[in-house]
């Protein structure tokens, strides 16, 4: 099948959305499907206000129309609601082409946190955006129920996978030198360093041992200044990233707004138990209490998670695969009839 993927989230961004989309593309190509991508690196762009790492493409419609015509897709998926997704959606509607979308990010809550725009206003816009799609793929039942409360009616569940070969337990000799001599236990956060991730709630916890933050983002300098005793490593990639996971004693996930939390599976695959709030994302991923603790007290959650068996965490993560994720994605696409 010739599949056209349109996404405003792509490399060099490193986040769960980019990892999900790029991995699904890789799996589908290996299965013989032909995938074309429309991504920000193909256009002139400007940095997103308050989040320079995200690039906003300028005047993309003409090139998108050309790609539509030249590639002649048999299915179209619009993954994001940014300038590329908006332009592609408009073209699909004008040309009478069916398309699917996906919901990756709680933009209403993020925008509210930054600019105090009422959440209901942004959800109303998202309903209009996704309402024309044949299906809107969402990550978990909890998110599906929340979106149903906001009036979304065309949702389909699309779970995630994890690379269990990369993210795995490792011997101490293979762990990052920077972390080996830190006071134990090691409490780890990995992800975007931004206000919506609620990282301060983790760093304010009274926990023995050390706190480590791996990642980059617009709040990094502020948090470095406020928490001088925390180890901030910056962004890590590939095997180095996986080794940082494996070094931790507990993975702390303070976000209250994520739709899934791919990092939760990466931590579990590394044999690291999870501490998080009982909110959408963690509620759907940490379904076995033996692999993590969900508690409104993040401190208590972290202390309890430390007692969990690392082998059980690894075994739990082995139940998730990118092949299943790609299979679901493919099944939800709407073929374009000749």
Protein backbone atom coordinates (compact mmCIF):
# COMPACT_ATOMS: atom_id res chain seq x y z
CA UNK A 1 0.00 0.00 0.00
CA UNK A 2 1.17 3.55 -0.75
CA UNK A 3 0.68 5.49 2.48
CA UNK A 4 1.19 9.23 2.86
CA UNK A 5 2.04 10.38 6.40
CA UNK A 6 1.78 14.07 7.23
CA UNK A 7 3.31 15.19 10.54
CA UNK A 8 4.53 18.43 12.09
CA UNK A 9 6.48 16.36 14.65
CA UNK A 10 9.65 14.88 13.16
CA UNK A 11 13.40 14.76 13.50
CA UNK A 12 15.47 16.43 14.87
CA UNK A 13 12.78 16.52 17.57
CA UNK A 14 13.11 13.59 19.94
CA UNK A 15 9.91 12.70 21.75
CA UNK A 16 7.33 9.94 21.99
CA UNK A 17 5.38 11.15 18.96
CA UNK A 18 8.43 11.16 16.71
CA UNK A 19 9.61 7.77 18.00
CA UNK A 20 6.18 6.27 17.44
CA UNK A 21 5.70 7.59 13.92
CA UNK A 22 9.25 6.89 12.73
CA UNK A 23 9.21 3.35 14.13
CA UNK A 24 5.84 2.56 12.56
CA UNK A 25 7.15 3.86 9.21
CA UNK A 26 10.23 1.64 9.58
CA UNK A 27 8.15 -1.46 10.40
CA UNK A 28 5.69 -0.88 7.54
CA UNK A 29 8.49 -0.31 5.02
CA UNK A 30 10.09 -3.58 6.12
CA UNK A 31 6.75 -5.26 5.38
CA UNK A 32 6.81 -3.93 1.82
CA UNK A 33 4.58 -0.87 2.10
CA UNK A 34 5.59 2.33 0.33
CA UNK A 35 5.55 5.28 2.73
CA UNK A 36 5.99 8.95 1.81
CA UNK A 37 6.33 11.51 4.59
CA UNK A 38 5.57 15.22 4.63
CA UNK A 39 7.61 16.70 7.49
CA UNK A 40 8.88 20.14 8.64
CA UNK A 41 12.42 19.61 7.34
CA UNK A 42 11.04 19.88 3.78
CA UNK A 43 9.85 23.48 4.27
CA UNK A 44 10.99 26.89 5.41
CA UNK A 45 9.99 27.20 9.05
CA UNK A 46 10.06 29.36 12.15
CA UNK A 47 10.45 28.31 15.79
CA UNK A 48 7.26 27.78 17.75
CA UNK A 49 6.68 30.58 20.31
CA UNK A 50 7.92 29.48 23.75
CA UNK A 51 9.20 26.20 22.27
CA UNK A 52 12.00 26.81 19.77
CA UNK A 53 12.73 23.10 19.26
CA UNK A 54 9.41 22.77 17.42
CA UNK A 55 9.47 24.19 13.89
CA UNK A 56 6.34 25.64 12.26
CA UNK A 57 6.33 25.22 8.48
CA UNK A 58 5.57 28.27 6.36
CA UNK A 59 3.14 28.24 3.40
CA UNK A 60 3.29 24.47 2.85
CA UNK A 61 0.10 23.97 0.79
CA UNK A 62 1.59 24.16 -2.70
CA UNK A 63 4.29 21.57 -2.05
CA UNK A 64 1.84 19.31 -0.23
CA UNK A 65 -0.53 19.39 -3.22
CA UNK A 66 2.40 18.47 -5.47
CA UNK A 67 3.29 15.52 -3.24
CA UNK A 68 -0.32 14.34 -3.27
CA UNK A 69 -0.35 14.40 -7.07
CA UNK A 70 3.06 12.79 -7.61
CA UNK A 71 2.82 10.07 -4.96
CA UNK A 72 -0.85 9.19 -5.62
CA UNK A 73 -1.39 7.71 -2.13
CA UNK A 74 -3.75 4.84 -1.45
CA UNK A 75 -4.24 6.07 2.14
CA UNK A 76 -3.50 9.34 3.95
CA UNK A 77 -2.78 9.79 7.65
CA UNK A 78 -2.52 13.24 9.23
CA UNK A 79 -0.70 12.80 12.53
CA UNK A 80 -0.65 16.34 13.92
CA UNK A 81 -2.71 19.51 14.02
CA UNK A 82 0.07 21.95 13.08
CA UNK A 83 0.60 23.88 9.82
CA UNK A 84 1.34 20.75 7.77
CA UNK A 85 -1.57 18.80 9.19
CA UNK A 86 -3.93 21.73 8.72
CA UNK A 87 -2.88 22.26 5.09
CA UNK A 88 -3.12 18.54 4.27
CA UNK A 89 -6.55 18.30 5.89
CA UNK A 90 -7.80 21.23 3.83
CA UNK A 91 -6.54 19.62 0.61
CA UNK A 92 -8.13 16.27 1.49
CA UNK A 93 -11.50 17.88 2.12
CA UNK A 94 -11.32 19.97 -1.05
CA UNK A 95 -10.37 16.95 -3.19
CA UNK A 96 -12.80 14.59 -1.49
CA UNK A 97 -10.02 12.30 -0.20
CA UNK A 98 -10.64 10.24 2.97
CA UNK A 99 -8.03 10.51 5.69
CA UNK A 100 -7.34 9.42 9.25
CA UNK A 101 -5.81 11.42 12.09
CA UNK A 102 -4.29 10.68 15.48
CA UNK A 103 -4.34 12.40 18.86
CA UNK A 104 -0.91 12.43 20.44
CA UNK A 105 -0.78 15.48 22.68
CA UNK A 106 -3.07 17.28 25.09
CA UNK A 107 -2.54 20.62 23.41
CA UNK A 108 -5.46 22.30 25.22
CA UNK A 109 -3.83 21.65 28.59
CA UNK A 110 -0.36 22.61 27.30
CA UNK A 111 -1.59 25.86 25.76
CA UNK A 112 -3.51 26.67 28.91
CA UNK A 113 -0.36 26.14 31.01
CA UNK A 114 1.61 28.53 28.81
CA UNK A 115 -0.89 31.17 27.72
CA UNK A 116 -3.97 30.64 29.96
CA UNK A 117 -6.25 30.13 26.93
CA UNK A 118 -9.42 28.33 28.12
CA UNK A 119 -9.15 24.58 27.59
CA UNK A 120 -12.68 24.36 26.16
CA UNK A 121 -11.79 26.75 23.32
CA UNK A 122 -8.91 24.56 22.12
CA UNK A 123 -10.92 21.35 22.41
CA UNK A 124 -13.63 22.93 20.28
CA UNK A 125 -11.02 23.62 17.58
CA UNK A 126 -9.65 20.07 17.85
CA UNK A 127 -13.16 18.64 17.45
CA UNK A 128 -13.49 20.52 14.17
CA UNK A 129 -10.03 19.41 13.04
CA UNK A 130 -10.50 15.70 13.74
CA UNK A 131 -14.22 15.57 13.04
CA UNK A 132 -13.74 15.19 9.28
CA UNK A 133 -11.41 12.20 9.71
CA UNK A 134 -12.68 8.67 9.10
CA UNK A 135 -11.02 7.69 12.37
CA UNK A 136 -8.98 9.49 15.03
CA UNK A 137 -6.45 7.11 16.56
CA UNK A 138 -5.93 7.51 20.33
CA UNK A 139 -3.52 5.78 22.66
CA UNK A 140 -5.56 4.46 25.58
CA UNK A 141 -9.11 3.76 26.81
CA UNK A 142 -8.79 6.52 29.41
CA UNK A 143 -7.90 9.10 26.78
CA UNK A 144 -10.70 7.80 24.57
CA UNK A 145 -13.18 8.29 27.41
CA UNK A 146 -11.89 11.78 28.16
CA UNK A 147 -12.20 12.77 24.50
CA UNK A 148 -15.70 11.32 24.46
CA UNK A 149 -16.60 13.72 27.27
CA UNK A 150 -15.36 16.56 25.03
CA UNK A 151 -17.61 15.41 22.18
CA UNK A 152 -15.24 13.32 20.03
CA UNK A 153 -17.08 10.40 18.42
CA UNK A 154 -14.73 8.85 15.81
CA UNK A 155 -11.94 7.43 18.01
CA UNK A 156 -10.07 4.12 17.59
CA UNK A 157 -7.58 2.63 20.06
CA UNK A 158 -3.97 2.57 18.85
CA UNK A 159 -1.52 1.26 21.44
CA UNK A 160 2.28 1.60 21.45
CA UNK A 161 5.33 -0.64 21.45
CA UNK A 162 8.85 -0.66 22.84
CA UNK A 163 12.25 -1.76 21.53
CA UNK A 164 13.09 -4.45 24.07
CA UNK A 165 16.46 -5.16 22.44
CA UNK A 166 17.69 -1.60 22.99
CA UNK A 167 15.95 -0.97 26.30
CA UNK A 168 17.08 -3.80 28.56
CA UNK A 169 18.75 -4.44 31.94
CA UNK A 170 22.52 -3.99 31.79
CA UNK A 171 25.51 -4.98 33.97
CA UNK A 172 26.97 -2.24 36.13
CA UNK A 173 30.08 -2.04 33.94
CA UNK A 174 27.90 -0.86 31.05
CA UNK A 175 26.16 1.92 32.99
CA UNK A 176 27.07 5.62 32.50
CA UNK A 177 30.19 6.59 34.41
CA UNK A 178 28.56 9.87 35.46
CA UNK A 179 25.91 7.99 37.44
CA UNK A 180 27.88 5.15 39.04
CA UNK A 181 29.16 7.03 42.08
CA UNK A 182 26.01 9.01 42.87
CA UNK A 183 24.27 8.33 46.21
CA UNK A 184 21.67 5.58 45.83
CA UNK A 185 18.86 5.08 45.11
CA UNK A 186 18.77 6.80 41.72
CA UNK A 187 15.45 8.47 40.87
CA UNK A 188 15.26 9.17 37.14
CA UNK A 189 13.16 11.34 34.83
CA UNK A 190 13.63 11.14 31.06
CA UNK A 191 11.76 13.31 28.60
CA UNK A 192 11.09 16.81 27.41
CA UNK A 193 12.06 19.46 29.97
CA UNK A 194 9.03 21.72 29.74
CA UNK A 195 6.40 23.16 32.04
CA UNK A 196 3.67 20.74 30.96
CA UNK A 197 5.77 17.78 32.15
CA UNK A 198 5.42 18.95 35.77
CA UNK A 199 9.05 18.05 36.53
CA UNK A 200 9.15 20.38 39.53
CA UNK A 201 6.73 18.06 41.34
CA UNK A 202 9.38 15.33 41.12
CA UNK A 203 12.28 17.57 42.06
CA UNK A 204 10.38 18.90 45.10
CA UNK A 205 9.99 15.37 46.49
CA UNK A 206 11.89 14.56 49.68
CA UNK A 207 13.66 11.41 48.54
CA UNK A 208 16.87 9.77 49.68
CA UNK A 209 19.64 9.25 47.14
CA UNK A 210 19.89 11.19 43.87
CA UNK A 211 17.57 12.77 41.30
CA UNK A 212 18.53 12.70 37.63
CA UNK A 213 16.88 14.53 34.74
CA UNK A 214 17.71 13.38 31.20
CA UNK A 215 16.45 15.56 28.39
CA UNK A 216 16.36 19.06 26.94
CA UNK A 217 13.71 21.70 26.55
CA UNK A 218 12.64 25.27 27.29
CA UNK A 219 12.53 24.84 31.08
CA UNK A 220 16.00 23.33 31.45
CA UNK A 221 17.89 26.47 32.55
CA UNK A 222 15.17 27.45 35.00
CA UNK A 223 15.19 24.04 36.67
CA UNK A 224 18.99 23.95 36.79
CA UNK A 225 18.93 27.24 38.66
CA UNK A 226 16.18 26.17 41.08
CA UNK A 227 17.57 22.69 41.82
CA UNK A 228 21.38 22.82 41.96
CA UNK A 229 21.64 19.39 43.63
CA UNK A 230 19.88 17.60 40.77
CA UNK A 231 21.95 15.95 38.04
CA UNK A 232 20.91 17.31 34.63
CA UNK A 233 22.56 15.32 31.86
CA UNK A 234 20.99 16.95 28.79
CA UNK A 235 19.52 14.89 25.99
CA UNK A 236 20.76 11.34 25.41
CA UNK A 237 20.24 9.09 22.42
CA UNK A 238 20.40 5.46 21.36
CA UNK A 239 22.48 3.11 23.48
CA UNK A 240 23.57 5.95 25.78
CA UNK A 241 19.93 6.78 26.52
CA UNK A 242 19.12 3.13 27.16
CA UNK A 243 22.06 2.84 29.58
CA UNK A 244 20.72 5.80 31.58
CA UNK A 245 17.39 4.03 31.96
CA UNK A 246 19.08 0.84 33.11
CA UNK A 247 21.11 2.70 35.74
CA UNK A 248 18.02 3.92 37.62
CA UNK A 249 16.41 2.35 40.66
CA UNK A 250 13.03 3.95 39.96
CA UNK A 251 11.61 5.94 37.05
CA UNK A 252 9.57 8.95 38.18
CA UNK A 253 6.93 10.23 35.76
CA UNK A 254 5.40 13.47 37.12
CA UNK A 255 3.34 14.45 34.07
CA UNK A 256 -0.43 14.79 34.46
CA UNK A 257 -1.10 15.58 30.78
CA UNK A 258 0.54 12.84 28.67
CA UNK A 259 -1.70 10.71 26.48
CA UNK A 260 0.48 7.61 26.90
CA UNK A 261 4.06 8.03 28.09
CA UNK A 262 6.28 5.90 25.86
CA UNK A 263 9.08 6.44 28.39
CA UNK A 264 7.11 4.28 30.85
CA UNK A 265 7.50 1.25 28.61
CA UNK A 266 11.17 2.04 27.96
CA UNK A 267 11.81 2.18 31.70
CA UNK A 268 9.96 -1.09 32.34
CA UNK A 269 11.80 -2.82 29.49
CA UNK A 270 15.02 -1.72 31.21
CA UNK A 271 13.87 -3.44 34.40
CA UNK A 272 13.05 -0.19 36.20
CA UNK A 273 9.80 0.19 38.19
CA UNK A 274 7.67 3.32 37.69
CA UNK A 275 6.31 5.94 40.07
CA UNK A 276 3.59 8.22 38.72
CA UNK A 277 0.30 9.92 39.41
CA UNK A 278 -2.95 7.96 38.84
CA UNK A 279 -3.85 9.90 35.69
CA UNK A 280 -4.43 9.06 31.98
CA UNK A 281 -1.31 7.53 30.50
CA UNK A 282 0.07 5.83 33.63
CA UNK A 283 -3.37 4.41 34.47
CA UNK A 284 -3.44 2.61 31.11
CA UNK A 285 0.23 1.55 30.97
CA UNK A 286 0.86 0.52 34.59
CA UNK A 287 -1.97 -2.01 34.72
CA UNK A 288 0.00 -4.43 36.91
CA UNK A 289 0.71 -3.04 40.42
CA UNK A 290 3.81 -5.21 40.65
CA UNK A 291 5.66 -3.04 38.08
CA UNK A 292 4.91 0.41 39.42
CA UNK A 293 3.05 2.54 41.92
CA UNK A 294 0.46 5.21 41.11
CA UNK A 295 -0.23 7.59 43.96
CA UNK A 296 -1.26 11.22 44.40
CA UNK A 297 1.81 11.43 46.64
CA UNK A 298 4.69 11.12 44.19
CA UNK A 299 7.07 10.65 47.13
CA UNK A 300 5.12 7.65 48.40
CA UNK A 301 4.86 6.26 44.87
CA UNK A 302 8.64 6.45 44.43
CA UNK A 303 9.35 4.79 47.77
CA UNK A 304 6.92 1.97 47.05
CA UNK A 305 8.21 1.45 43.50
CA UNK A 306 11.69 0.88 44.89
CA UNK A 307 10.43 -2.35 46.47
CA UNK A 308 9.21 -3.84 43.18
CA UNK A 309 10.95 -6.68 41.37
CA UNK A 310 12.93 -5.54 38.32
CA UNK A 311 12.45 -8.86 36.55
CA UNK A 312 8.65 -8.46 36.68
CA UNK A 313 9.02 -5.03 35.09
CA UNK A 314 11.00 -6.49 32.21
CA UNK A 315 8.54 -9.33 31.69
CA UNK A 316 5.61 -6.90 31.60
CA UNK A 317 7.23 -4.75 28.89
CA UNK A 318 7.87 -7.79 26.69
CA UNK A 319 4.12 -7.88 26.05
CA UNK A 320 4.29 -4.71 23.92
CA UNK A 321 5.57 -4.75 20.34
CA UNK A 322 6.00 -2.23 17.54
CA UNK A 323 4.78 -4.86 15.08
CA UNK A 324 1.37 -4.90 16.80
CA UNK A 325 1.35 -1.09 16.88
CA UNK A 326 2.02 -0.95 13.11
CA UNK A 327 -0.60 -3.64 12.46
CA UNK A 328 -3.27 -1.59 14.25
CA UNK A 329 -2.25 1.58 12.41
CA UNK A 330 -2.57 -0.18 9.07
CA UNK A 331 -5.97 -1.63 9.94
CA UNK A 332 -7.39 1.83 10.73
CA UNK A 333 -6.32 3.52 7.50
CA UNK A 334 -9.11 4.42 5.07
CA UNK A 335 -8.29 3.33 1.48
CA UNK A 336 -8.75 5.90 -1.27
CA UNK A 337 -11.09 4.42 -3.83
CA UNK A 338 -10.09 4.93 -7.46
